[in-house]
Amino acid sequence: MSSEATLTIYTHPDCPYSAAAKDDFDRQGIAYREIDVSQDPEAAKELERLTGGERITPVIVEGAQVIVGYMGVG
């Protein structure tokens, strides 16, 4: 991925929706920075802050926009 990624995706390795989001972004050539919350306790705390206390992945952040979950590209 490019170092110019503007998207951040909080993921978990057991989450099929995280994998689907990354696959779709890869296919579309969309750069992103992945944060695996299973490997980073501080990122897990940030994930909970972004989701209002839930541990839901993926969480996609672009600027001030936060999207919780992933339903695929329409």
PDB file of N, CA and C in Angstrom:
ATOM      1  N   MET A   1       0.824  -1.179   0.000  1.00  0.00           N
ATOM      2  CA  MET A   1       0.000   0.000   0.000  1.00  0.00           C
ATOM      3  C   MET A   1       0.874   1.250   0.000  1.00  0.00           C
ATOM      4  N   SER A   2       0.312   2.305  -0.472  1.00  0.00           N
ATOM      5  CA  SER A   2       1.014   3.572  -0.566  1.00  0.00           C
ATOM      6  C   SER A   2       1.228   4.199   0.800  1.00  0.00           C
ATOM      7  N   SER A   3       2.287   4.967   0.930  1.00  0.00           N
ATOM      8  CA  SER A   3       2.514   5.690   2.172  1.00  0.00           C
ATOM      9  C   SER A   3       1.575   6.884   2.282  1.00  0.00           C
ATOM     10  N   GLU A   4       0.800   7.169   1.227  1.00  0.00           N
ATOM     11  CA  GLU A   4      -0.125   8.291   1.224  1.00  0.00           C
ATOM     12  C   GLU A   4      -1.529   7.857   1.617  1.00  0.00           C
ATOM     13  N   ALA A   5      -1.670   6.772   2.321  1.00  0.00           N
ATOM     14  CA  ALA A   5      -2.979   6.267   2.706  1.00  0.00           C
ATOM     15  C   ALA A   5      -3.711   7.297   3.557  1.00  0.00           C
ATOM     16  N   THR A   6      -4.967   7.544   3.202  1.00  0.00           N
ATOM     17  CA  THR A   6      -5.794   8.448   3.994  1.00  0.00           C
ATOM     18  C   THR A   6      -6.827   7.667   4.798  1.00  0.00           C
ATOM     19  N   LEU A   7      -7.017   6.404   4.460  1.00  0.00           N
ATOM     20  CA  LEU A   7      -7.934   5.540   5.195  1.00  0.00           C
ATOM     21  C   LEU A   7      -7.166   4.734   6.227  1.00  0.00           C
ATOM     22  N   THR A   8      -7.778   4.569   7.378  1.00  0.00           N
ATOM     23  CA  THR A   8      -7.255   3.665   8.388  1.00  0.00           C
ATOM     24  C   THR A   8      -8.327   2.623   8.635  1.00  0.00           C
ATOM     25  N   ILE A   9      -7.938   1.349   8.635  1.00  0.00           N
ATOM     26  CA  ILE A   9      -8.878   0.267   8.900  1.00  0.00           C
ATOM     27  C   ILE A   9      -8.416  -0.490  10.131  1.00  0.00           C
ATOM     28  N   TYR A  10      -9.256  -0.469  11.152  1.00  0.00           N
ATOM     29  CA  TYR A  10      -9.018  -1.280  12.342  1.00  0.00           C
ATOM     30  C   TYR A  10      -9.594  -2.658  12.053  1.00  0.00           C
ATOM     31  N   THR A  11      -8.763  -3.685  12.156  1.00  0.00           N
ATOM     32  CA  THR A  11      -9.164  -5.033  11.770  1.00  0.00           C
ATOM     33  C   THR A  11      -8.881  -6.029  12.881  1.00  0.00           C
ATOM     34  N   HIS A  12      -9.413  -7.227  12.678  1.00  0.00           N
ATOM     35  CA  HIS A  12      -9.102  -8.380  13.529  1.00  0.00           C
ATOM     36  C   HIS A  12      -8.947  -9.568  12.593  1.00  0.00           C
ATOM     37  N   PRO A  13      -7.958 -10.424  12.797  1.00  0.00           N
ATOM     38  CA  PRO A  13      -7.698 -11.514  11.853  1.00  0.00           C
ATOM     39  C   PRO A  13      -8.841 -12.530  11.725  1.00  0.00           C
ATOM     40  N   ASP A  14      -9.705 -12.636  12.720  1.00  0.00           N
ATOM     41  CA  ASP A  14     -10.817 -13.587  12.647  1.00  0.00           C
ATOM     42  C   ASP A  14     -12.090 -12.974  12.073  1.00  0.00           C
ATOM     43  N   CYS A  15     -12.024 -11.750  11.599  1.00  0.00           N
ATOM     44  CA  CYS A  15     -13.209 -11.033  11.125  1.00  0.00           C
ATOM     45  C   CYS A  15     -13.308 -11.109   9.598  1.00  0.00           C
ATOM     46  N   PRO A  16     -14.325 -11.818   9.065  1.00  0.00           N
ATOM     47  CA  PRO A  16     -14.467 -11.903   7.613  1.00  0.00           C
ATOM     48  C   PRO A  16     -14.802 -10.557   6.973  1.00  0.00           C
ATOM     49  N   TYR A  17     -15.432  -9.665   7.716  1.00  0.00           N
ATOM     50  CA  TYR A  17     -15.754  -8.347   7.166  1.00  0.00           C
ATOM     51  C   TYR A  17     -14.510  -7.492   7.023  1.00  0.00           C
ATOM     52  N   SER A  18     -13.562  -7.661   7.933  1.00  0.00           N
ATOM     53  CA  SER A  18     -12.274  -6.972   7.798  1.00  0.00           C
ATOM     54  C   SER A  18     -11.565  -7.446   6.537  1.00  0.00           C
ATOM     55  N   ALA A  19     -11.554  -8.750   6.320  1.00  0.00           N
ATOM     56  CA  ALA A  19     -10.902  -9.312   5.129  1.00  0.00           C
ATOM     57  C   ALA A  19     -11.588  -8.822   3.858  1.00  0.00           C
ATOM     58  N   ALA A  20     -12.919  -8.767   3.873  1.00  0.00           N
ATOM     59  CA  ALA A  20     -13.663  -8.307   2.691  1.00  0.00           C
ATOM     60  C   ALA A  20     -13.354  -6.851   2.384  1.00  0.00           C
ATOM     61  N   ALA A  21     -13.287  -6.015   3.410  1.00  0.00           N
ATOM     62  CA  ALA A  21     -12.975  -4.601   3.197  1.00  0.00           C
ATOM     63  C   ALA A  21     -11.590  -4.450   2.580  1.00  0.00           C
ATOM     64  N   LYS A  22     -10.608  -5.149   3.148  1.00  0.00           N
ATOM     65  CA  LYS A  22      -9.245  -5.063   2.612  1.00  0.00           C
ATOM     66  C   LYS A  22      -9.189  -5.583   1.178  1.00  0.00           C
ATOM     67  N   ASP A  23      -9.857  -6.686   0.887  1.00  0.00           N
ATOM     68  CA  ASP A  23      -9.875  -7.228  -0.477  1.00  0.00           C
ATOM     69  C   ASP A  23     -10.479  -6.225  -1.449  1.00  0.00           C
ATOM     70  N   ASP A  24     -11.606  -5.628  -1.071  1.00  0.00           N
ATOM     71  CA  ASP A  24     -12.246  -4.648  -1.956  1.00  0.00           C
ATOM     72  C   ASP A  24     -11.354  -3.434  -2.172  1.00  0.00           C
ATOM     73  N   PHE A  25     -10.757  -2.916  -1.093  1.00  0.00           N
ATOM     74  CA  PHE A  25      -9.882  -1.756  -1.243  1.00  0.00           C
ATOM     75  C   PHE A  25      -8.661  -2.099  -2.089  1.00  0.00           C
ATOM     76  N   ASP A  26      -8.093  -3.286  -1.899  1.00  0.00           N
ATOM     77  CA  ASP A  26      -6.954  -3.711  -2.718  1.00  0.00           C
ATOM     78  C   ASP A  26      -7.337  -3.780  -4.196  1.00  0.00           C
ATOM     79  N   ARG A  27      -8.475  -4.383  -4.491  1.00  0.00           N
ATOM     80  CA  ARG A  27      -8.928  -4.500  -5.886  1.00  0.00           C
ATOM     81  C   ARG A  27      -9.143  -3.134  -6.526  1.00  0.00           C
ATOM     82  N   GLN A  28      -9.618  -2.188  -5.735  1.00  0.00           N
ATOM     83  CA  GLN A  28      -9.897  -0.844  -6.259  1.00  0.00           C
ATOM     84  C   GLN A  28      -8.674   0.069  -6.224  1.00  0.00           C
ATOM     85  N   GLY A  29      -7.573  -0.431  -5.678  1.00  0.00           N
ATOM     86  CA  GLY A  29      -6.354   0.369  -5.605  1.00  0.00           C
ATOM     87  C   GLY A  29      -6.438   1.493  -4.583  1.00  0.00           C
ATOM     88  N   ILE A  30      -7.271   1.321  -3.557  1.00  0.00           N
ATOM     89  CA  ILE A  30      -7.417   2.326  -2.511  1.00  0.00           C
ATOM     90  C   ILE A  30      -6.377   2.051  -1.418  1.00  0.00           C
ATOM     91  N   ALA A  31      -5.544   3.044  -1.171  1.00  0.00           N
ATOM     92  CA  ALA A  31      -4.505   2.900  -0.147  1.00  0.00           C
ATOM     93  C   ALA A  31      -5.130   3.001   1.238  1.00  0.00           C
ATOM     94  N   TYR A  32      -4.623   2.204   2.151  1.00  0.00           N
ATOM     95  CA  TYR A  32      -5.110   2.255   3.523  1.00  0.00           C
ATOM     96  C   TYR A  32      -3.994   1.827   4.467  1.00  0.00           C
ATOM     97  N   ARG A  33      -4.179   2.217   5.714  1.00  0.00           N
ATOM     98  CA  ARG A  33      -3.282   1.786   6.779  1.00  0.00           C
ATOM     99  C   ARG A  33      -4.086   0.829   7.645  1.00  0.00           C
ATOM    100  N   GLU A  34      -3.592  -0.378   7.823  1.00  0.00           N
ATOM    101  CA  GLU A  34      -4.285  -1.382   8.623  1.00  0.00           C
ATOM    102  C   GLU A  34      -3.740  -1.399  10.037  1.00  0.00           C
ATOM    103  N   ILE A  35      -4.645  -1.445  11.000  1.00  0.00           N
ATOM    104  CA  ILE A  35      -4.268  -1.607  12.398  1.00  0.00           C
ATOM    105  C   ILE A  35      -4.979  -2.850  12.913  1.00  0.00           C
ATOM    106  N   ASP A  36      -4.209  -3.878  13.215  1.00  0.00           N
ATOM    107  CA  ASP A  36      -4.739  -5.143  13.735  1.00  0.00           C
ATOM    108  C   ASP A  36      -4.883  -5.006  15.246  1.00  0.00           C
ATOM    109  N   VAL A  37      -6.132  -4.907  15.721  1.00  0.00           N
ATOM    110  CA  VAL A  37      -6.349  -4.670  17.143  1.00  0.00           C
ATOM    111  C   VAL A  37      -5.967  -5.863  18.011  1.00  0.00           C
ATOM    112  N   SER A  38      -5.819  -7.044  17.408  1.00  0.00           N
ATOM    113  CA  SER A  38      -5.399  -8.209  18.187  1.00  0.00           C
ATOM    114  C   SER A  38      -3.923  -8.132  18.547  1.00  0.00           C
ATOM    115  N   GLN A  39      -3.171  -7.284  17.847  1.00  0.00           N
ATOM    116  CA  GLN A  39      -1.734  -7.147  18.071  1.00  0.00           C
ATOM    117  C   GLN A  39      -1.348  -5.861  18.796  1.00  0.00           C
ATOM    118  N   ASP A  40      -2.330  -4.972  19.000  1.00  0.00           N
ATOM    119  CA  ASP A  40      -2.007  -3.657  19.536  1.00  0.00           C
ATOM    120  C   ASP A  40      -3.045  -3.245  20.582  1.00  0.00           C
ATOM    121  N   PRO A  41      -2.738  -3.423  21.874  1.00  0.00           N
ATOM    122  CA  PRO A  41      -3.700  -3.090  22.935  1.00  0.00           C
ATOM    123  C   PRO A  41      -4.147  -1.625  22.929  1.00  0.00           C
ATOM    124  N   GLU A  42      -3.251  -0.725  22.590  1.00  0.00           N
ATOM    125  CA  GLU A  42      -3.630   0.696  22.532  1.00  0.00           C
ATOM    126  C   GLU A  42      -4.621   0.937  21.390  1.00  0.00           C
ATOM    127  N   ALA A  43      -4.434   0.259  20.274  1.00  0.00           N
ATOM    128  CA  ALA A  43      -5.362   0.390  19.149  1.00  0.00           C
ATOM    129  C   ALA A  43      -6.730  -0.179  19.519  1.00  0.00           C
ATOM    130  N   ALA A  44      -6.750  -1.240  20.322  1.00  0.00           N
ATOM    131  CA  ALA A  44      -8.021  -1.808  20.767  1.00  0.00           C
ATOM    132  C   ALA A  44      -8.784  -0.794  21.609  1.00  0.00           C
ATOM    133  N   LYS A  45      -8.075  -0.020  22.431  1.00  0.00           N
ATOM    134  CA  LYS A  45      -8.720   1.032  23.221  1.00  0.00           C
ATOM    135  C   LYS A  45      -9.291   2.117  22.304  1.00  0.00           C
ATOM    136  N   GLU A  46      -8.547   2.481  21.273  1.00  0.00           N
ATOM    137  CA  GLU A  46      -9.021   3.486  20.322  1.00  0.00           C
ATOM    138  C   GLU A  46     -10.240   2.961  19.569  1.00  0.00           C
ATOM    139  N   LEU A  47     -10.233   1.690  19.196  1.00  0.00           N
ATOM    140  CA  LEU A  47     -11.378   1.072  18.532  1.00  0.00           C
ATOM    141  C   LEU A  47     -12.623   1.196  19.409  1.00  0.00           C
ATOM    142  N   GLU A  48     -12.483   0.894  20.683  1.00  0.00           N
ATOM    143  CA  GLU A  48     -13.617   0.999  21.606  1.00  0.00           C
ATOM    144  C   GLU A  48     -14.102   2.441  21.728  1.00  0.00           C
ATOM    145  N   ARG A  49     -13.185   3.385  21.702  1.00  0.00           N
ATOM    146  CA  ARG A  49     -13.582   4.795  21.745  1.00  0.00           C
ATOM    147  C   ARG A  49     -14.378   5.163  20.493  1.00  0.00           C
ATOM    148  N   LEU A  50     -13.907   4.715  19.340  1.00  0.00           N
ATOM    149  CA  LEU A  50     -14.568   5.034  18.070  1.00  0.00           C
ATOM    150  C   LEU A  50     -15.953   4.397  17.955  1.00  0.00           C
ATOM    151  N   THR A  51     -16.135   3.248  18.592  1.00  0.00           N
ATOM    152  CA  THR A  51     -17.403   2.513  18.451  1.00  0.00           C
ATOM    153  C   THR A  51     -18.324   2.685  19.653  1.00  0.00           C
ATOM    154  N   GLY A  52     -17.977   3.545  20.573  1.00  0.00           N
ATOM    155  CA  GLY A  52     -18.816   3.732  21.745  1.00  0.00           C
ATOM    156  C   GLY A  52     -18.747   2.582  22.726  1.00  0.00           C
ATOM    157  N   GLY A  53     -17.582   1.941  22.800  1.00  0.00           N
ATOM    158  CA  GLY A  53     -17.367   0.887  23.781  1.00  0.00           C
ATOM    159  C   GLY A  53     -17.442  -0.528  23.240  1.00  0.00           C
ATOM    160  N   GLU A  54     -17.737  -0.684  21.979  1.00  0.00           N
ATOM    161  CA  GLU A  54     -17.841  -2.008  21.364  1.00  0.00           C
ATOM    162  C   GLU A  54     -16.497  -2.430  20.771  1.00  0.00           C
ATOM    163  N   ARG A  55     -16.328  -3.732  20.639  1.00  0.00           N
ATOM    164  CA  ARG A  55     -15.157  -4.275  19.923  1.00  0.00           C
ATOM    165  C   ARG A  55     -15.663  -4.874  18.618  1.00  0.00           C
ATOM    166  N   ILE A  56     -15.960  -3.996  17.678  1.00  0.00           N
ATOM    167  CA  ILE A  56     -16.500  -4.377  16.383  1.00  0.00           C
ATOM    168  C   ILE A  56     -15.451  -4.042  15.329  1.00  0.00           C
ATOM    169  N   THR A  57     -15.196  -4.975  14.427  1.00  0.00           N
ATOM    170  CA  THR A  57     -14.320  -4.680  13.289  1.00  0.00           C
ATOM    171  C   THR A  57     -15.038  -5.077  12.015  1.00  0.00           C
ATOM    172  N   PRO A  58     -14.674  -4.467  10.913  1.00  0.00           N
ATOM    173  CA  PRO A  58     -13.711  -3.382  10.800  1.00  0.00           C
ATOM    174  C   PRO A  58     -14.325  -2.043  11.190  1.00  0.00           C
ATOM    175  N   VAL A  59     -13.452  -1.124  11.529  1.00  0.00           N
ATOM    176  CA  VAL A  59     -13.810   0.278  11.666  1.00  0.00           C
ATOM    177  C   VAL A  59     -12.921   1.018  10.680  1.00  0.00           C
ATOM    178  N   ILE A  60     -13.568   1.769   9.803  1.00  0.00           N
ATOM    179  CA  ILE A  60     -12.860   2.476   8.735  1.00  0.00           C
ATOM    180  C   ILE A  60     -12.922   3.960   9.051  1.00  0.00           C
ATOM    181  N   VAL A  61     -11.756   4.589   9.098  1.00  0.00           N
ATOM    182  CA  VAL A  61     -11.671   6.004   9.455  1.00  0.00           C
ATOM    183  C   VAL A  61     -11.022   6.747   8.302  1.00  0.00           C
ATOM    184  N   GLU A  62     -11.709   7.814   7.869  1.00  0.00           N
ATOM    185  CA  GLU A  62     -11.136   8.713   6.861  1.00  0.00           C
ATOM    186  C   GLU A  62     -11.416  10.132   7.320  1.00  0.00           C
ATOM    187  N   GLY A  63     -10.378  10.798   7.767  1.00  0.00           N
ATOM    188  CA  GLY A  63     -10.565  12.134   8.331  1.00  0.00           C
ATOM    189  C   GLY A  63     -11.458  12.045   9.557  1.00  0.00           C
ATOM    190  N   ALA A  64     -12.545  12.822   9.556  1.00  0.00           N
ATOM    191  CA  ALA A  64     -13.484  12.823  10.679  1.00  0.00           C
ATOM    192  C   ALA A  64     -14.579  11.777  10.519  1.00  0.00           C
ATOM    193  N   GLN A  65     -14.641  11.119   9.364  1.00  0.00           N
ATOM    194  CA  GLN A  65     -15.691  10.123   9.115  1.00  0.00           C
ATOM    195  C   GLN A  65     -15.272   8.764   9.678  1.00  0.00           C
ATOM    196  N   VAL A  66     -16.168   8.152  10.442  1.00  0.00           N
ATOM    197  CA  VAL A  66     -15.944   6.835  11.022  1.00  0.00           C
ATOM    198  C   VAL A  66     -17.062   5.918  10.581  1.00  0.00           C
ATOM    199  N   ILE A  67     -16.703   4.795   9.960  1.00  0.00           N
ATOM    200  CA  ILE A  67     -17.672   3.800   9.524  1.00  0.00           C
ATOM    201  C   ILE A  67     -17.413   2.527  10.308  1.00  0.00           C
ATOM    202  N   VAL A  68     -18.438   2.074  11.015  1.00  0.00           N
ATOM    203  CA  VAL A  68     -18.330   0.862  11.809  1.00  0.00           C
ATOM    204  C   VAL A  68     -18.964  -0.279  11.017  1.00  0.00           C
ATOM    205  N   GLY A  69     -18.178  -1.329  10.758  1.00  0.00           N
ATOM    206  CA  GLY A  69     -18.668  -2.460   9.972  1.00  0.00           C
ATOM    207  C   GLY A  69     -18.392  -2.270   8.489  1.00  0.00           C
ATOM    208  N   TYR A  70     -18.711  -3.288   7.711  1.00  0.00           N
ATOM    209  CA  TYR A  70     -18.473  -3.230   6.265  1.00  0.00           C
ATOM    210  C   TYR A  70     -19.484  -4.139   5.576  1.00  0.00           C
ATOM    211  N   MET A  71     -20.181  -3.572   4.602  1.00  0.00           N
ATOM    212  CA  MET A  71     -21.200  -4.327   3.866  1.00  0.00           C
ATOM    213  C   MET A  71     -20.799  -4.565   2.414  1.00  0.00           C
ATOM    214  N   GLY A  72     -19.595  -4.187   2.033  1.00  0.00           N
ATOM    215  CA  GLY A  72     -19.134  -4.387   0.662  1.00  0.00           C
ATOM    216  C   GLY A  72     -19.426  -3.170  -0.188  1.00  0.00           C
ATOM    217  N   VAL A  73     -18.922  -3.223  -1.407  1.00  0.00           N
ATOM    218  CA  VAL A  73     -19.142  -2.132  -2.349  1.00  0.00           C
ATOM    219  C   VAL A  73     -20.441  -2.380  -3.091  1.00  0.00           C
ATOM    220  N   GLY A  74     -21.159  -1.323  -3.299  1.00  0.00           N
ATOM    221  CA  GLY A  74     -22.481  -1.423  -3.935  1.00  0.00           C
ATOM    222  C   GLY A  74     -22.342  -1.485  -5.381  1.00  0.00           C
TER     223      GLY A  74
END
